Every structure is written in C-alpha cells, then in structure tokens.
N, C-alpha and C. Protein backbone atom coordinates (compact mmCIF):
# COMPACT_ATOMS: atom_id res chain seq x y z
N MET A 1 49.07 25.92 -40.00
CA MET A 1 47.70 25.52 -40.13
C MET A 1 47.47 24.15 -39.48
N MET A 2 48.44 23.28 -39.61
CA MET A 2 48.35 21.96 -39.00
C MET A 2 48.30 22.07 -37.48
N PHE A 3 49.08 23.01 -36.90
CA PHE A 3 49.12 23.21 -35.47
C PHE A 3 47.75 23.70 -34.97
N ARG A 4 47.19 24.62 -35.69
CA ARG A 4 45.91 25.20 -35.29
C ARG A 4 44.81 24.11 -35.28
N SER A 5 44.78 23.24 -36.27
CA SER A 5 43.79 22.17 -36.35
C SER A 5 43.99 21.17 -35.21
N SER A 6 45.24 20.81 -34.91
CA SER A 6 45.53 19.87 -33.83
C SER A 6 45.15 20.48 -32.48
N ALA A 7 45.47 21.76 -32.30
CA ALA A 7 45.15 22.42 -31.04
C ALA A 7 43.64 22.49 -30.86
N TRP A 8 42.93 22.77 -31.92
CA TRP A 8 41.46 22.82 -31.86
C TRP A 8 40.88 21.46 -31.49
N ASN A 9 41.41 20.38 -32.04
CA ASN A 9 40.94 19.03 -31.73
C ASN A 9 41.19 18.68 -30.27
N VAL A 10 42.37 19.05 -29.75
CA VAL A 10 42.70 18.78 -28.36
C VAL A 10 41.78 19.57 -27.44
N LEU A 11 41.55 20.84 -27.76
CA LEU A 11 40.68 21.68 -26.96
C LEU A 11 39.24 21.15 -26.97
N SER A 12 38.77 20.71 -28.11
CA SER A 12 37.42 20.15 -28.21
C SER A 12 37.30 18.87 -27.39
N ALA A 13 38.29 18.03 -27.45
CA ALA A 13 38.28 16.78 -26.69
C ALA A 13 38.32 17.07 -25.19
N ALA A 14 39.09 18.04 -24.76
CA ALA A 14 39.17 18.40 -23.35
C ALA A 14 37.83 18.95 -22.86
N ALA A 15 37.18 19.76 -23.65
CA ALA A 15 35.88 20.32 -23.27
C ALA A 15 34.85 19.20 -23.14
N ALA A 16 34.87 18.25 -24.05
CA ALA A 16 33.92 17.14 -23.99
C ALA A 16 34.17 16.29 -22.75
N ALA A 17 35.42 16.05 -22.42
CA ALA A 17 35.76 15.26 -21.24
C ALA A 17 35.31 15.98 -19.98
N CYS A 18 35.50 17.29 -19.92
CA CYS A 18 35.08 18.06 -18.73
C CYS A 18 33.58 18.02 -18.56
N SER A 19 32.83 18.07 -19.63
CA SER A 19 31.38 18.05 -19.51
C SER A 19 30.90 16.70 -18.99
N VAL A 20 31.57 15.63 -19.35
CA VAL A 20 31.20 14.31 -18.84
C VAL A 20 31.54 14.21 -17.36
N ILE A 21 32.70 14.72 -16.96
CA ILE A 21 33.11 14.68 -15.56
C ILE A 21 32.17 15.54 -14.71
N ALA A 22 31.69 16.62 -15.25
CA ALA A 22 30.86 17.55 -14.49
C ALA A 22 29.44 17.04 -14.29
N LEU A 23 29.02 16.00 -15.02
CA LEU A 23 27.67 15.47 -14.84
C LEU A 23 27.52 14.92 -13.42
N PRO A 24 26.41 15.15 -12.78
CA PRO A 24 26.22 14.59 -11.45
C PRO A 24 26.17 13.07 -11.50
N ALA A 25 26.56 12.46 -10.41
CA ALA A 25 26.58 10.99 -10.34
C ALA A 25 25.20 10.42 -10.54
N VAL A 26 24.17 11.11 -10.10
CA VAL A 26 22.80 10.62 -10.24
C VAL A 26 22.44 10.46 -11.71
N ALA A 27 22.86 11.41 -12.54
CA ALA A 27 22.52 11.36 -13.96
C ALA A 27 23.21 10.18 -14.63
N MET A 28 24.35 9.78 -14.12
CA MET A 28 25.10 8.68 -14.73
C MET A 28 24.69 7.33 -14.16
N ALA A 29 23.97 7.30 -13.03
CA ALA A 29 23.59 6.05 -12.40
C ALA A 29 22.52 5.34 -13.22
N ALA A 30 22.54 4.01 -13.15
CA ALA A 30 21.53 3.22 -13.86
C ALA A 30 20.20 3.40 -13.15
N PRO A 31 19.07 3.39 -13.88
CA PRO A 31 17.78 3.53 -13.23
C PRO A 31 17.51 2.36 -12.28
N VAL A 32 16.81 2.63 -11.18
CA VAL A 32 16.48 1.60 -10.21
C VAL A 32 15.29 0.81 -10.74
N SER A 33 15.42 -0.51 -10.75
CA SER A 33 14.32 -1.32 -11.24
C SER A 33 13.22 -1.38 -10.19
N ALA A 34 12.00 -1.62 -10.63
CA ALA A 34 10.86 -1.70 -9.72
C ALA A 34 11.06 -2.82 -8.71
N ASP A 35 11.73 -3.90 -9.11
CA ASP A 35 11.96 -5.02 -8.21
C ASP A 35 12.94 -4.69 -7.10
N ALA A 36 13.80 -3.67 -7.29
CA ALA A 36 14.79 -3.29 -6.28
C ALA A 36 14.18 -2.46 -5.16
N ILE A 37 12.98 -1.93 -5.36
CA ILE A 37 12.31 -1.13 -4.35
C ILE A 37 11.63 -2.08 -3.37
N GLY A 38 11.79 -1.84 -2.07
CA GLY A 38 11.20 -2.70 -1.06
C GLY A 38 9.70 -2.53 -0.94
N ARG A 39 9.06 -3.49 -0.29
CA ARG A 39 7.62 -3.41 -0.10
C ARG A 39 7.29 -2.31 0.92
N CYS A 40 6.05 -1.88 0.91
CA CYS A 40 5.60 -0.81 1.81
C CYS A 40 5.42 -1.37 3.22
N ALA A 41 6.29 -0.96 4.12
CA ALA A 41 6.24 -1.43 5.51
C ALA A 41 5.14 -0.69 6.27
N THR A 42 4.50 -1.38 7.18
CA THR A 42 3.42 -0.80 7.98
C THR A 42 3.86 0.49 8.65
N ALA A 43 5.08 0.53 9.16
CA ALA A 43 5.58 1.72 9.87
C ALA A 43 5.65 2.95 8.97
N ASN A 44 5.71 2.75 7.66
CA ASN A 44 5.81 3.87 6.71
C ASN A 44 4.49 4.16 6.00
N LEU A 45 3.41 3.65 6.54
CA LEU A 45 2.09 3.87 5.94
C LEU A 45 1.14 4.50 6.95
N THR A 46 0.28 5.36 6.48
CA THR A 46 -0.84 5.85 7.25
C THR A 46 -2.07 5.17 6.67
N ILE A 47 -2.83 4.50 7.54
CA ILE A 47 -3.99 3.73 7.09
C ILE A 47 -5.25 4.36 7.68
N GLN A 48 -6.23 4.63 6.81
CA GLN A 48 -7.48 5.26 7.24
C GLN A 48 -8.67 4.53 6.64
N LEU A 49 -9.73 4.48 7.42
CA LEU A 49 -10.99 3.88 6.98
C LEU A 49 -11.99 5.01 6.81
N GLY A 50 -12.61 5.08 5.64
CA GLY A 50 -13.58 6.14 5.35
C GLY A 50 -14.98 5.78 5.78
N ALA A 51 -15.92 6.64 5.46
CA ALA A 51 -17.32 6.43 5.80
C ALA A 51 -17.92 5.28 5.00
N GLY A 52 -18.74 4.49 5.67
CA GLY A 52 -19.34 3.33 5.03
C GLY A 52 -20.52 3.67 4.14
N VAL A 53 -20.72 2.81 3.14
CA VAL A 53 -21.85 2.93 2.23
C VAL A 53 -22.65 1.63 2.36
N ALA A 54 -23.91 1.75 2.77
CA ALA A 54 -24.74 0.58 2.99
C ALA A 54 -25.24 0.02 1.67
N GLY A 55 -25.21 -1.29 1.60
CA GLY A 55 -25.76 -2.03 0.46
C GLY A 55 -26.69 -3.09 1.02
N PRO A 56 -27.27 -3.92 0.18
CA PRO A 56 -28.18 -4.96 0.68
C PRO A 56 -27.43 -5.98 1.54
N GLY A 57 -27.66 -5.92 2.85
CA GLY A 57 -27.07 -6.89 3.76
C GLY A 57 -25.60 -6.66 4.08
N GLU A 58 -25.05 -5.50 3.74
CA GLU A 58 -23.63 -5.26 4.01
C GLU A 58 -23.33 -3.76 4.00
N VAL A 59 -22.18 -3.41 4.57
CA VAL A 59 -21.69 -2.03 4.54
C VAL A 59 -20.26 -2.08 4.03
N THR A 60 -19.93 -1.24 3.03
CA THR A 60 -18.59 -1.20 2.45
C THR A 60 -17.92 0.11 2.83
N TYR A 61 -16.66 0.00 3.27
CA TYR A 61 -15.87 1.15 3.72
C TYR A 61 -14.64 1.30 2.84
N PRO A 62 -14.32 2.52 2.39
CA PRO A 62 -13.05 2.72 1.66
C PRO A 62 -11.89 2.63 2.64
N LEU A 63 -10.84 1.96 2.22
CA LEU A 63 -9.63 1.79 3.02
C LEU A 63 -8.48 2.44 2.26
N GLU A 64 -7.84 3.44 2.87
CA GLU A 64 -6.78 4.19 2.18
C GLU A 64 -5.43 3.99 2.85
N PHE A 65 -4.42 3.79 2.02
CA PHE A 65 -3.03 3.66 2.45
C PHE A 65 -2.26 4.84 1.88
N THR A 66 -1.53 5.58 2.71
CA THR A 66 -0.69 6.69 2.25
C THR A 66 0.75 6.39 2.62
N ASN A 67 1.67 6.54 1.66
CA ASN A 67 3.09 6.35 1.95
C ASN A 67 3.57 7.57 2.72
N SER A 68 3.72 7.43 4.02
CA SER A 68 4.19 8.53 4.87
C SER A 68 5.68 8.42 5.14
N GLY A 69 6.35 7.50 4.44
CA GLY A 69 7.79 7.34 4.58
C GLY A 69 8.56 8.32 3.71
N THR A 70 9.85 8.15 3.66
CA THR A 70 10.71 9.05 2.88
C THR A 70 11.22 8.42 1.59
N ARG A 71 10.86 7.17 1.34
CA ARG A 71 11.31 6.47 0.13
C ARG A 71 10.13 5.82 -0.58
N ALA A 72 10.32 5.57 -1.85
CA ALA A 72 9.32 4.85 -2.63
C ALA A 72 9.25 3.41 -2.13
N CYS A 73 8.09 2.79 -2.27
CA CYS A 73 7.94 1.40 -1.87
C CYS A 73 6.96 0.72 -2.83
N MET A 74 6.95 -0.61 -2.80
CA MET A 74 6.08 -1.40 -3.67
C MET A 74 4.88 -1.91 -2.89
N MET A 75 3.74 -1.94 -3.56
CA MET A 75 2.51 -2.44 -2.96
C MET A 75 1.85 -3.38 -3.96
N ALA A 76 1.37 -4.50 -3.48
CA ALA A 76 0.63 -5.44 -4.33
C ALA A 76 -0.08 -6.45 -3.45
N GLY A 77 -1.28 -6.78 -3.83
CA GLY A 77 -1.97 -7.86 -3.15
C GLY A 77 -3.09 -7.43 -2.24
N LEU A 78 -3.35 -8.29 -1.27
CA LEU A 78 -4.49 -8.12 -0.38
C LEU A 78 -4.07 -7.73 1.03
N PRO A 79 -4.71 -6.71 1.58
CA PRO A 79 -4.50 -6.46 3.01
C PRO A 79 -5.26 -7.53 3.80
N ARG A 80 -4.88 -7.72 5.03
CA ARG A 80 -5.62 -8.62 5.93
C ARG A 80 -6.29 -7.76 6.99
N ILE A 81 -7.49 -8.11 7.34
CA ILE A 81 -8.25 -7.39 8.35
C ILE A 81 -8.62 -8.37 9.45
N LEU A 82 -8.26 -8.03 10.68
CA LEU A 82 -8.64 -8.85 11.82
C LEU A 82 -9.61 -8.05 12.69
N PRO A 83 -10.84 -8.52 12.85
CA PRO A 83 -11.76 -7.85 13.76
C PRO A 83 -11.35 -8.13 15.20
N SER A 84 -11.40 -7.09 16.04
CA SER A 84 -10.98 -7.23 17.44
C SER A 84 -12.01 -6.62 18.38
N ASP A 85 -11.96 -7.07 19.65
CA ASP A 85 -12.82 -6.47 20.67
C ASP A 85 -12.11 -5.27 21.28
N SER A 86 -12.74 -4.64 22.27
CA SER A 86 -12.16 -3.43 22.87
C SER A 86 -10.84 -3.69 23.58
N GLY A 87 -10.56 -4.94 23.93
CA GLY A 87 -9.28 -5.28 24.56
C GLY A 87 -8.19 -5.64 23.56
N GLY A 88 -8.51 -5.59 22.26
CA GLY A 88 -7.53 -5.92 21.23
C GLY A 88 -7.45 -7.40 20.90
N ASN A 89 -8.36 -8.20 21.44
CA ASN A 89 -8.39 -9.64 21.16
C ASN A 89 -9.18 -9.89 19.89
N GLN A 90 -8.64 -10.78 19.05
CA GLN A 90 -9.33 -11.09 17.81
C GLN A 90 -10.67 -11.74 18.09
N VAL A 91 -11.70 -11.24 17.41
CA VAL A 91 -13.03 -11.85 17.48
C VAL A 91 -13.42 -12.25 16.06
N GLY A 92 -13.90 -13.43 15.91
CA GLY A 92 -14.26 -13.87 14.58
C GLY A 92 -13.05 -14.24 13.75
N HIS A 93 -13.30 -14.40 12.46
CA HIS A 93 -12.26 -14.83 11.53
C HIS A 93 -11.66 -13.63 10.81
N ARG A 94 -10.44 -13.80 10.33
CA ARG A 94 -9.83 -12.71 9.54
C ARG A 94 -10.59 -12.56 8.22
N SER A 95 -10.31 -11.45 7.56
CA SER A 95 -11.02 -11.15 6.32
C SER A 95 -10.76 -12.20 5.25
N LYS A 96 -11.73 -12.32 4.36
CA LYS A 96 -11.52 -13.16 3.19
C LYS A 96 -11.45 -12.24 1.98
N SER A 97 -10.77 -12.70 0.95
CA SER A 97 -10.60 -11.86 -0.23
C SER A 97 -11.83 -11.91 -1.11
N VAL A 98 -12.09 -10.79 -1.76
CA VAL A 98 -13.22 -10.69 -2.67
C VAL A 98 -12.81 -11.20 -4.05
N ASP A 99 -11.68 -10.70 -4.55
CA ASP A 99 -11.23 -11.08 -5.89
C ASP A 99 -9.71 -11.01 -5.93
N THR A 100 -9.06 -12.17 -6.00
CA THR A 100 -7.59 -12.19 -5.99
C THR A 100 -7.00 -12.04 -7.39
N SER A 101 -7.83 -12.02 -8.42
CA SER A 101 -7.30 -11.93 -9.80
C SER A 101 -6.85 -10.51 -10.14
N GLN A 102 -7.21 -9.51 -9.31
CA GLN A 102 -6.90 -8.13 -9.64
C GLN A 102 -5.64 -7.61 -8.94
N LYS A 103 -4.74 -8.47 -8.51
CA LYS A 103 -3.53 -8.02 -7.84
C LYS A 103 -2.66 -7.25 -8.82
N THR A 104 -2.36 -6.00 -8.48
CA THR A 104 -1.53 -5.14 -9.32
C THR A 104 -0.33 -4.70 -8.50
N LYS A 105 0.86 -4.86 -9.05
CA LYS A 105 2.08 -4.41 -8.38
C LYS A 105 2.36 -2.99 -8.84
N PHE A 106 2.55 -2.07 -7.89
CA PHE A 106 2.79 -0.68 -8.25
C PHE A 106 3.69 -0.01 -7.22
N THR A 107 4.30 1.10 -7.65
CA THR A 107 5.19 1.87 -6.79
C THR A 107 4.42 3.01 -6.14
N MET A 108 4.67 3.20 -4.85
CA MET A 108 4.11 4.34 -4.11
C MET A 108 5.26 5.25 -3.70
N ASN A 109 5.30 6.44 -4.26
CA ASN A 109 6.29 7.43 -3.84
C ASN A 109 5.80 8.08 -2.54
N PRO A 110 6.70 8.74 -1.80
CA PRO A 110 6.25 9.41 -0.58
C PRO A 110 5.06 10.34 -0.88
N GLY A 111 4.02 10.23 -0.08
CA GLY A 111 2.81 11.03 -0.26
C GLY A 111 1.76 10.39 -1.14
N ASP A 112 2.13 9.35 -1.91
CA ASP A 112 1.16 8.68 -2.79
C ASP A 112 0.16 7.87 -1.97
N MET A 113 -1.02 7.69 -2.56
CA MET A 113 -2.08 6.92 -1.91
C MET A 113 -2.43 5.68 -2.72
N ALA A 114 -2.95 4.68 -2.00
CA ALA A 114 -3.51 3.48 -2.61
C ALA A 114 -4.82 3.20 -1.88
N HIS A 115 -5.65 2.40 -2.48
CA HIS A 115 -6.94 2.14 -1.86
C HIS A 115 -7.38 0.68 -2.00
N SER A 116 -8.28 0.32 -1.13
CA SER A 116 -8.94 -0.97 -1.13
C SER A 116 -10.33 -0.71 -0.55
N SER A 117 -11.07 -1.75 -0.32
CA SER A 117 -12.34 -1.57 0.39
C SER A 117 -12.57 -2.76 1.30
N VAL A 118 -13.24 -2.47 2.41
CA VAL A 118 -13.57 -3.48 3.41
C VAL A 118 -15.09 -3.56 3.47
N THR A 119 -15.62 -4.76 3.38
CA THR A 119 -17.06 -4.96 3.45
C THR A 119 -17.38 -5.82 4.66
N ILE A 120 -18.29 -5.32 5.48
CA ILE A 120 -18.77 -6.07 6.64
C ILE A 120 -20.16 -6.57 6.28
N VAL A 121 -20.32 -7.90 6.24
CA VAL A 121 -21.61 -8.50 5.94
C VAL A 121 -22.47 -8.42 7.19
N ASP A 122 -23.70 -7.97 7.04
CA ASP A 122 -24.63 -7.82 8.15
C ASP A 122 -24.77 -9.15 8.88
N ASN A 123 -24.79 -9.09 10.22
CA ASN A 123 -24.84 -10.33 11.01
C ASN A 123 -26.10 -11.15 10.75
N MET A 124 -27.20 -10.51 10.38
CA MET A 124 -28.42 -11.25 10.08
C MET A 124 -28.27 -11.99 8.76
N THR A 125 -27.57 -11.37 7.81
CA THR A 125 -27.34 -12.00 6.51
C THR A 125 -26.37 -13.16 6.65
N ALA A 126 -25.37 -12.99 7.48
CA ALA A 126 -24.34 -14.01 7.64
C ALA A 126 -24.82 -15.20 8.46
N ARG A 127 -25.89 -15.03 9.25
CA ARG A 127 -26.44 -16.09 10.11
C ARG A 127 -25.31 -16.78 10.87
N CYS A 128 -24.77 -16.04 11.82
CA CYS A 128 -23.61 -16.54 12.53
C CYS A 128 -23.75 -16.30 14.03
N MET A 129 -22.78 -16.83 14.80
CA MET A 129 -22.71 -16.56 16.22
C MET A 129 -22.11 -15.15 16.38
N GLN A 130 -22.94 -14.20 16.80
CA GLN A 130 -22.54 -12.79 16.82
C GLN A 130 -21.69 -12.46 18.05
N VAL A 131 -20.64 -11.65 17.80
CA VAL A 131 -19.80 -11.12 18.87
C VAL A 131 -19.54 -9.64 18.56
N PRO A 132 -19.47 -8.79 19.60
CA PRO A 132 -19.24 -7.37 19.33
C PRO A 132 -17.79 -7.10 18.93
N GLY A 133 -17.65 -6.31 17.89
CA GLY A 133 -16.32 -5.87 17.46
C GLY A 133 -16.16 -4.40 17.81
N ALA A 134 -14.94 -3.99 18.16
CA ALA A 134 -14.70 -2.61 18.58
C ALA A 134 -13.59 -1.94 17.79
N MET A 135 -12.83 -2.71 17.03
CA MET A 135 -11.74 -2.14 16.23
C MET A 135 -11.34 -3.13 15.15
N LEU A 136 -10.62 -2.61 14.15
CA LEU A 136 -10.07 -3.46 13.09
C LEU A 136 -8.56 -3.34 13.11
N ASP A 137 -7.88 -4.46 12.98
CA ASP A 137 -6.43 -4.45 12.84
C ASP A 137 -6.15 -4.68 11.36
N VAL A 138 -5.56 -3.68 10.69
CA VAL A 138 -5.34 -3.73 9.24
C VAL A 138 -3.87 -4.01 8.96
N PHE A 139 -3.62 -5.08 8.22
CA PHE A 139 -2.27 -5.48 7.83
C PHE A 139 -2.09 -5.20 6.34
N PRO A 140 -1.16 -4.32 5.96
CA PRO A 140 -0.90 -4.11 4.53
C PRO A 140 -0.43 -5.42 3.88
N PRO A 141 -0.54 -5.54 2.56
CA PRO A 141 -0.11 -6.76 1.88
C PRO A 141 1.32 -7.16 2.27
N SER A 142 1.51 -8.43 2.56
CA SER A 142 2.82 -9.03 2.87
C SER A 142 3.43 -8.54 4.17
N GLU A 143 2.67 -7.87 5.02
CA GLU A 143 3.20 -7.37 6.29
C GLU A 143 2.69 -8.21 7.46
N ARG A 144 3.53 -8.34 8.48
CA ARG A 144 3.16 -9.10 9.68
C ARG A 144 2.72 -8.19 10.82
N THR A 145 2.84 -6.89 10.62
CA THR A 145 2.44 -5.91 11.62
C THR A 145 1.29 -5.09 11.06
N GLY A 146 0.29 -4.88 11.89
CA GLY A 146 -0.87 -4.12 11.44
C GLY A 146 -0.97 -2.77 12.13
N GLN A 147 -1.93 -1.98 11.68
CA GLN A 147 -2.30 -0.72 12.33
C GLN A 147 -3.75 -0.86 12.77
N VAL A 148 -4.04 -0.39 13.96
CA VAL A 148 -5.38 -0.51 14.51
C VAL A 148 -6.24 0.68 14.08
N ILE A 149 -7.44 0.38 13.61
CA ILE A 149 -8.47 1.38 13.37
C ILE A 149 -9.36 1.31 14.62
N PRO A 150 -9.18 2.26 15.57
CA PRO A 150 -9.92 2.17 16.84
C PRO A 150 -11.35 2.69 16.71
N SER A 151 -12.11 2.45 17.75
CA SER A 151 -13.48 2.98 17.86
C SER A 151 -14.32 2.68 16.63
N PHE A 152 -14.28 1.45 16.19
CA PHE A 152 -15.06 1.01 15.04
C PHE A 152 -15.97 -0.11 15.52
N THR A 153 -17.19 0.23 15.87
CA THR A 153 -18.11 -0.78 16.40
C THR A 153 -18.89 -1.46 15.27
N PHE A 154 -18.99 -2.76 15.38
CA PHE A 154 -19.69 -3.58 14.38
C PHE A 154 -19.94 -4.93 15.01
N THR A 155 -20.69 -5.76 14.33
CA THR A 155 -20.93 -7.12 14.80
C THR A 155 -20.11 -8.08 13.96
N ALA A 156 -19.26 -8.83 14.64
CA ALA A 156 -18.42 -9.83 13.97
C ALA A 156 -19.08 -11.19 14.13
N CYS A 157 -18.64 -12.12 13.31
CA CYS A 157 -19.11 -13.50 13.41
C CYS A 157 -18.00 -14.33 14.04
N ALA A 158 -18.32 -15.01 15.14
CA ALA A 158 -17.31 -15.83 15.82
C ALA A 158 -17.02 -17.12 15.07
N ASP A 159 -17.97 -17.59 14.28
CA ASP A 159 -17.82 -18.89 13.65
C ASP A 159 -17.56 -18.85 12.14
N ARG A 160 -17.47 -17.66 11.55
CA ARG A 160 -17.17 -17.55 10.12
C ARG A 160 -16.71 -16.14 9.80
N ALA A 161 -16.11 -15.96 8.65
CA ALA A 161 -15.65 -14.63 8.23
C ALA A 161 -16.84 -13.83 7.70
N ASN A 162 -17.04 -12.64 8.24
CA ASN A 162 -18.05 -11.75 7.69
C ASN A 162 -17.41 -10.42 7.26
N VAL A 163 -16.08 -10.43 7.15
CA VAL A 163 -15.33 -9.26 6.70
C VAL A 163 -14.65 -9.64 5.38
N LYS A 164 -14.93 -8.86 4.33
CA LYS A 164 -14.34 -9.11 3.01
C LYS A 164 -13.45 -7.93 2.66
N VAL A 165 -12.40 -8.19 1.87
CA VAL A 165 -11.48 -7.12 1.48
C VAL A 165 -11.09 -7.28 0.02
N ASP A 166 -10.91 -6.14 -0.65
CA ASP A 166 -10.48 -6.11 -2.06
C ASP A 166 -8.97 -5.94 -2.14
N PRO A 167 -8.36 -6.32 -3.27
CA PRO A 167 -6.93 -6.06 -3.46
C PRO A 167 -6.64 -4.54 -3.47
N VAL A 168 -5.43 -4.19 -3.10
CA VAL A 168 -5.02 -2.78 -3.10
C VAL A 168 -4.75 -2.33 -4.52
N SER A 169 -5.19 -1.11 -4.83
CA SER A 169 -4.97 -0.50 -6.16
C SER A 169 -4.35 0.87 -5.98
N PRO A 170 -3.60 1.35 -6.98
CA PRO A 170 -3.00 2.67 -6.86
C PRO A 170 -4.03 3.79 -6.92
N GLY A 171 -3.72 4.91 -6.30
CA GLY A 171 -4.59 6.09 -6.34
C GLY A 171 -5.52 6.16 -5.17
N ALA A 172 -6.22 7.28 -5.07
CA ALA A 172 -7.15 7.50 -3.95
C ALA A 172 -8.50 6.89 -4.24
C-alpha cells in the first residue's frame, strides 16, 4: 500500500511538471508594460483629413490616424500642422494648440484609429497677410517626419497662425 501511494505521488508530480513545461512561452512571459511600447512612427500611420464643417469664421476638419503598422504603438499629445504652398514650401505659421490639458496617452494596435481636428480660421476673421495654401504637412505627436495632405486649398496667414489643432484621442 505504501508503494502504491508513493508511485501515485510521483506520477502526479510528473504530470504537473509536464503541464508546466508544455505551456507556451508567451503564456509564461511577463505582460508588456505600456511604457515599453514605442511611439507611433509616421511611417506606420495612415493620416487622412475628412470633410470640413463650417462654423462662424472658421472651418473644422476631422483628422484621422490609423495604425497601419504590424505592432502596437503609443500615441499622446498634439500633432503639428504646417501649411504649405504647391511647391511644398511652408507658408504661414505652424498650427497652434487648442487645448493642451486633454493629452491622453493610449495604445494603438494595428488597425486602430485615433482622431484630432484641424481648424482653419477664415482669413477675414484672422485679419492677416493672406497667402495661398495648397497642402498640409501633418506631423504625428513627437514625430519629426510628416505626411502631406495634398490638394488642400485654403488661405494661410503669413504673419500669424490661423491653423489650430486639438490633441489626439483614441477612436474614430
């Protein structure tokens, strides 16, 4: 009877050890912290500008960022918008932020979307030295490389910022 009990204990211990060994390495790995995920690089994002909605003295456009990469990335803060002419030369001043208190840090998995909005203040409202704009160069938060939104005609201000931008938020 003693042998049978000892054999049963050894067999049970061996089965438990095998089940632990058989677990995939991923299941045993520690979870990746949000801080370990890199920021969303411009090359891994698709950036689109939606149809504008006119308001008093301004037009606001939805700005969408889609993670087109193969890995999750972090997004937080304000995109930068540079108005440009048809030759790609900057005209006017870069965008100014609307509200910096709403910066939210979030993870974007492949295929996930984030949004912001771009507001162009009407040149008559801004009372500025007007220059024609033909495209926008959009820089995701913390990035030094932008993506061009071509064929976007508007009037920029050469002597002041008339382009405003909101912080990026998760979702469409």
